[in-house]
Amino acid sequence: MKLKTFLRTGLPICLGVTALAGCTTADPKVYAGLASAPHLKSDTSDESGRIPYRYKRDVDFRKYDKVIIDPVTIYRGADHQFVKLSEDDKTDLADYMQTKFQQALQTRFSRVTSPIPGTLRIHLTLTGAKATTALLGPASHLDLGGGAYNTVQSVRGREGSMTGSVIYAVDIYDSMTNSLLAAYVTKQFPNAMNVGATFGALKAAHVAIDKGADALMDELCS
């Protein structure tokens, strides 16, 4: 069924605005299999809900100018939050994350492959993801009721309806001592009014990864 035909039928989108709120994905959690799990604590200062768990020592990241980027890990614990994704989809997202985070970090750090002074080691773990719901994803942004809901979500900085997202953990180490300097678990998603991100099953997840790479750079430059 084509999108225009779908909209013309007047079929309710997710049974109305109230139900749309239930069409977003679950919040991230402290995953038992993460190396940083014992250190992560609730971050009550994060009103956006994007980074609900965090750990950070009193560290000045400005003294680091090099980085080792570990291969992205796909989380295999029973408490993962992958929603009906194939192994190929998970691999696609992990590979995309590796590329985008490397590109972002190289604007600030020199990449090295072995521990030397002034080097961070960053480990990324993809712990969950959801693809955009076919037809319903774009339709829920173009439908009158869905558009109103997503407008409110955009203003609040919250997740849009029927749209893909990613959840992942970031662990940041001093490469010489292997001591954990900072860690967080985050959920990233496109702006709720980004209709273009809803076309294609993994497009929104890719946009979310782009935002996540920028967010890590903000973390390291603050």
Protein backbone atom coordinates (compact mmCIF):
# COMPACT_ATOMS: atom_id res chain seq x y z
CA MET A 1 0.00 0.00 0.00
CA LYS A 2 1.45 3.37 -1.02
CA LEU A 3 1.79 6.12 1.57
CA LYS A 4 -0.70 8.46 -0.13
CA THR A 5 -3.28 5.69 -0.30
CA PHE A 6 -2.63 4.88 3.35
CA LEU A 7 -3.24 8.49 4.38
CA ARG A 8 -6.32 8.87 2.14
CA THR A 9 -8.08 5.98 3.85
CA GLY A 10 -8.22 7.97 7.07
CA LEU A 11 -6.90 4.95 8.97
CA PRO A 12 -6.11 6.16 12.51
CA ILE A 13 -2.40 6.47 13.16
CA CYS A 14 -1.55 4.34 16.18
CA LEU A 15 -5.17 4.91 17.37
CA GLY A 16 -4.71 8.62 18.03
CA VAL A 17 -2.38 10.97 19.84
CA THR A 18 -2.72 9.22 23.21
CA ALA A 19 -1.62 5.94 21.72
CA LEU A 20 1.24 7.63 19.86
CA ALA A 21 2.94 8.18 23.18
CA GLY A 22 3.17 4.41 23.47
CA CYS A 23 4.83 4.09 20.07
CA THR A 24 8.22 5.36 21.23
CA THR A 25 10.90 2.95 22.38
CA ALA A 26 11.85 2.03 25.92
CA ASP A 27 14.29 4.09 27.94
CA PRO A 28 17.88 2.82 28.30
CA LYS A 29 19.00 1.06 31.45
CA VAL A 30 22.16 -0.04 33.20
CA TYR A 31 22.98 -3.20 31.26
CA ALA A 32 24.37 -5.95 33.45
CA GLY A 33 27.07 -6.94 30.98
CA LEU A 34 28.72 -3.52 30.69
CA ALA A 35 32.17 -3.16 32.20
CA SER A 36 31.12 0.26 33.53
CA ALA A 37 27.80 -0.94 35.00
CA PRO A 38 29.00 -0.87 38.65
CA HIS A 39 29.94 2.80 38.26
CA LEU A 40 26.86 4.13 36.47
CA LYS A 41 24.41 6.21 38.49
CA SER A 42 21.15 7.96 37.63
CA ASP A 43 21.75 11.41 36.18
CA THR A 44 18.88 13.47 37.59
CA SER A 45 20.21 16.63 35.92
CA ASP A 46 19.42 15.27 32.46
CA GLU A 47 15.92 16.54 31.66
CA SER A 48 16.03 15.34 28.06
CA GLY A 49 16.08 11.66 29.03
CA ARG A 50 18.87 11.05 26.52
CA ILE A 51 21.55 10.26 29.12
CA PRO A 52 19.81 8.76 32.16
CA TYR A 53 22.95 7.05 33.53
CA ARG A 54 26.40 8.51 33.88
CA TYR A 55 29.76 8.28 35.64
CA LYS A 56 32.48 10.90 35.51
CA ARG A 57 35.64 11.49 37.48
CA ASP A 58 37.13 14.94 37.99
CA VAL A 59 39.12 14.91 34.79
CA ASP A 60 40.28 17.58 32.36
CA PHE A 61 39.94 16.09 28.89
CA ARG A 62 41.89 19.00 27.43
CA LYS A 63 45.13 17.31 28.48
CA TYR A 64 44.41 14.49 26.03
CA ASP A 65 45.13 14.97 22.34
CA LYS A 66 45.18 11.40 21.04
CA VAL A 67 42.61 8.61 20.98
CA ILE A 68 42.34 4.85 20.55
CA ILE A 69 38.90 3.83 19.28
CA ASP A 70 38.02 0.22 20.04
CA PRO A 71 35.85 -1.72 17.58
CA VAL A 72 32.17 -1.15 18.37
CA THR A 73 30.69 -4.03 20.36
CA ILE A 74 27.17 -5.36 19.77
CA TYR A 75 25.73 -6.13 23.19
CA ARG A 76 24.61 -9.75 23.59
CA GLY A 77 23.21 -9.70 27.11
CA ALA A 78 19.66 -10.88 27.80
CA ASP A 79 18.76 -7.34 28.87
CA HIS A 80 19.52 -5.85 25.42
CA GLN A 81 16.97 -3.52 23.83
CA PHE A 82 17.09 -4.46 20.17
CA VAL A 83 13.57 -4.42 18.73
CA LYS A 84 13.08 -6.93 15.92
CA LEU A 85 16.41 -6.22 14.23
CA SER A 86 18.23 -8.78 12.15
CA GLU A 87 21.90 -9.53 12.74
CA ASP A 88 22.66 -7.77 9.45
CA ASP A 89 20.88 -4.65 10.73
CA LYS A 90 22.84 -4.72 13.99
CA THR A 91 26.10 -5.09 12.06
CA ASP A 92 25.10 -2.23 9.77
CA LEU A 93 24.51 0.06 12.75
CA ALA A 94 27.73 -0.99 14.51
CA ASP A 95 29.77 -0.38 11.33
CA TYR A 96 28.09 2.97 10.76
CA MET A 97 28.76 3.93 14.37
CA GLN A 98 32.43 3.00 14.04
CA THR A 99 32.82 5.19 10.96
CA LYS A 100 30.91 8.22 12.24
CA PHE A 101 32.49 8.29 15.68
CA GLN A 102 35.97 7.94 14.17
CA GLN A 103 35.26 10.83 11.82
CA ALA A 104 33.99 13.02 14.65
CA LEU A 105 36.83 12.22 17.05
CA GLN A 106 39.50 12.84 14.42
CA THR A 107 38.49 16.50 14.29
CA ARG A 108 39.87 16.89 17.82
CA PHE A 109 42.23 13.93 18.45
CA SER A 110 44.99 12.15 16.57
CA ARG A 111 44.23 8.46 16.18
CA VAL A 112 46.82 6.03 17.51
CA THR A 113 46.79 2.27 17.92
CA SER A 114 48.75 1.74 21.14
CA PRO A 115 48.76 3.41 24.57
CA ILE A 116 50.99 6.48 24.93
CA PRO A 117 50.74 9.48 27.25
CA GLY A 118 47.90 11.89 26.49
CA THR A 119 45.73 9.18 24.90
CA LEU A 120 42.13 8.30 25.61
CA ARG A 121 40.69 4.89 24.81
CA ILE A 122 37.01 4.92 23.90
CA HIS A 123 34.82 1.85 23.83
CA LEU A 124 31.31 1.95 22.33
CA THR A 125 28.71 -0.73 22.97
CA LEU A 126 25.54 -0.81 20.88
CA THR A 127 22.95 -2.06 23.39
CA GLY A 128 19.67 -1.46 21.58
CA ALA A 129 18.04 -0.10 18.45
CA LYS A 130 14.75 0.10 16.67
CA ALA A 131 13.99 0.53 12.99
CA THR A 132 11.40 2.99 11.76
CA THR A 133 8.01 1.37 11.31
CA ALA A 134 7.29 0.99 7.59
CA LEU A 135 4.51 3.31 6.34
CA LEU A 136 3.45 4.24 9.87
CA GLY A 137 6.71 6.09 10.49
CA PRO A 138 6.30 8.77 7.82
CA ALA A 139 2.50 8.65 8.01
CA SER A 140 2.47 9.43 11.71
CA HIS A 141 4.44 12.62 10.96
CA LEU A 142 2.23 13.70 8.05
CA ASP A 143 -1.13 12.85 9.63
CA LEU A 144 -2.81 15.83 11.36
CA GLY A 145 -2.95 14.24 14.81
CA GLY A 146 0.49 12.71 14.53
CA GLY A 147 1.93 15.98 13.31
CA ALA A 148 0.60 17.79 16.36
CA TYR A 149 2.02 15.12 18.67
CA ASN A 150 5.44 15.25 17.02
CA THR A 151 5.49 19.05 17.15
CA VAL A 152 5.09 18.87 20.93
CA GLN A 153 7.74 16.15 21.15
CA SER A 154 10.13 18.28 19.10
CA VAL A 155 9.72 21.25 21.44
CA ARG A 156 10.34 18.97 24.42
CA GLY A 157 13.40 17.42 22.77
CA ARG A 158 11.74 14.02 22.94
CA GLU A 159 11.36 11.07 20.58
CA GLY A 160 8.99 11.16 17.60
CA SER A 161 6.38 8.53 16.89
CA MET A 162 7.13 5.29 15.03
CA THR A 163 10.70 6.45 14.40
CA GLY A 164 13.92 4.47 14.77
CA SER A 165 16.46 5.10 17.50
CA VAL A 166 19.68 3.72 18.97
CA ILE A 167 20.82 3.04 22.52
CA TYR A 168 24.48 2.61 23.35
CA ALA A 169 27.08 2.91 26.08
CA VAL A 170 30.26 4.97 25.98
CA ASP A 171 33.23 4.06 28.20
CA ILE A 172 36.18 6.47 28.23
CA TYR A 173 39.52 5.30 29.65
CA ASP A 174 42.99 6.65 30.18
CA SER A 175 44.89 4.39 27.81
CA MET A 176 48.06 4.26 29.94
CA THR A 177 46.42 3.29 33.24
CA ASN A 178 43.27 1.68 31.83
CA SER A 179 41.31 3.58 34.49
CA LEU A 180 37.71 4.54 33.72
CA LEU A 181 37.44 8.33 33.42
CA ALA A 182 33.82 8.66 32.31
CA ALA A 183 30.95 6.54 31.10
CA TYR A 184 27.34 6.97 30.12
CA VAL A 185 24.40 5.18 28.57
CA THR A 186 22.43 7.18 26.05
CA LYS A 187 19.49 6.98 23.72
CA GLN A 188 19.69 9.02 20.52
CA PHE A 189 16.96 9.72 17.96
CA PRO A 190 16.21 12.27 15.25
CA ASN A 191 14.30 15.45 15.98
CA ALA A 192 10.62 14.53 16.14
CA MET A 193 9.88 16.85 13.20
CA ASN A 194 12.55 15.32 10.96
CA VAL A 195 10.19 13.70 8.47
CA GLY A 196 13.04 12.78 6.12
CA ALA A 197 14.55 10.52 8.78
CA THR A 198 11.41 8.35 8.74
CA PHE A 199 11.89 7.18 5.14
CA GLY A 200 13.90 3.97 5.27
CA ALA A 201 14.07 1.40 8.03
CA LEU A 202 17.49 2.40 9.39
CA LYS A 203 17.66 6.03 8.26
CA ALA A 204 16.51 7.38 11.65
CA ALA A 205 18.99 5.16 13.49
CA HIS A 206 21.78 6.51 11.27
CA VAL A 207 20.72 10.10 11.99
CA ALA A 208 20.67 9.20 15.69
CA ILE A 209 24.25 7.91 15.47
CA ASP A 210 25.32 11.15 13.77
CA LYS A 211 23.85 13.08 16.70
CA GLY A 212 25.53 10.74 19.17
CA ALA A 213 28.95 11.33 17.65
CA ASP A 214 28.46 15.08 17.98
CA ALA A 215 27.28 14.62 21.57
CA LEU A 216 30.45 12.72 22.48
CA MET A 217 32.56 15.53 21.03
CA ASP A 218 30.62 18.01 23.17
CA GLU A 219 31.32 15.79 26.18
CA LEU A 220 35.06 15.74 25.51
CA CYS A 221 35.31 19.45 24.73
CA SER A 222 33.30 20.74 27.70
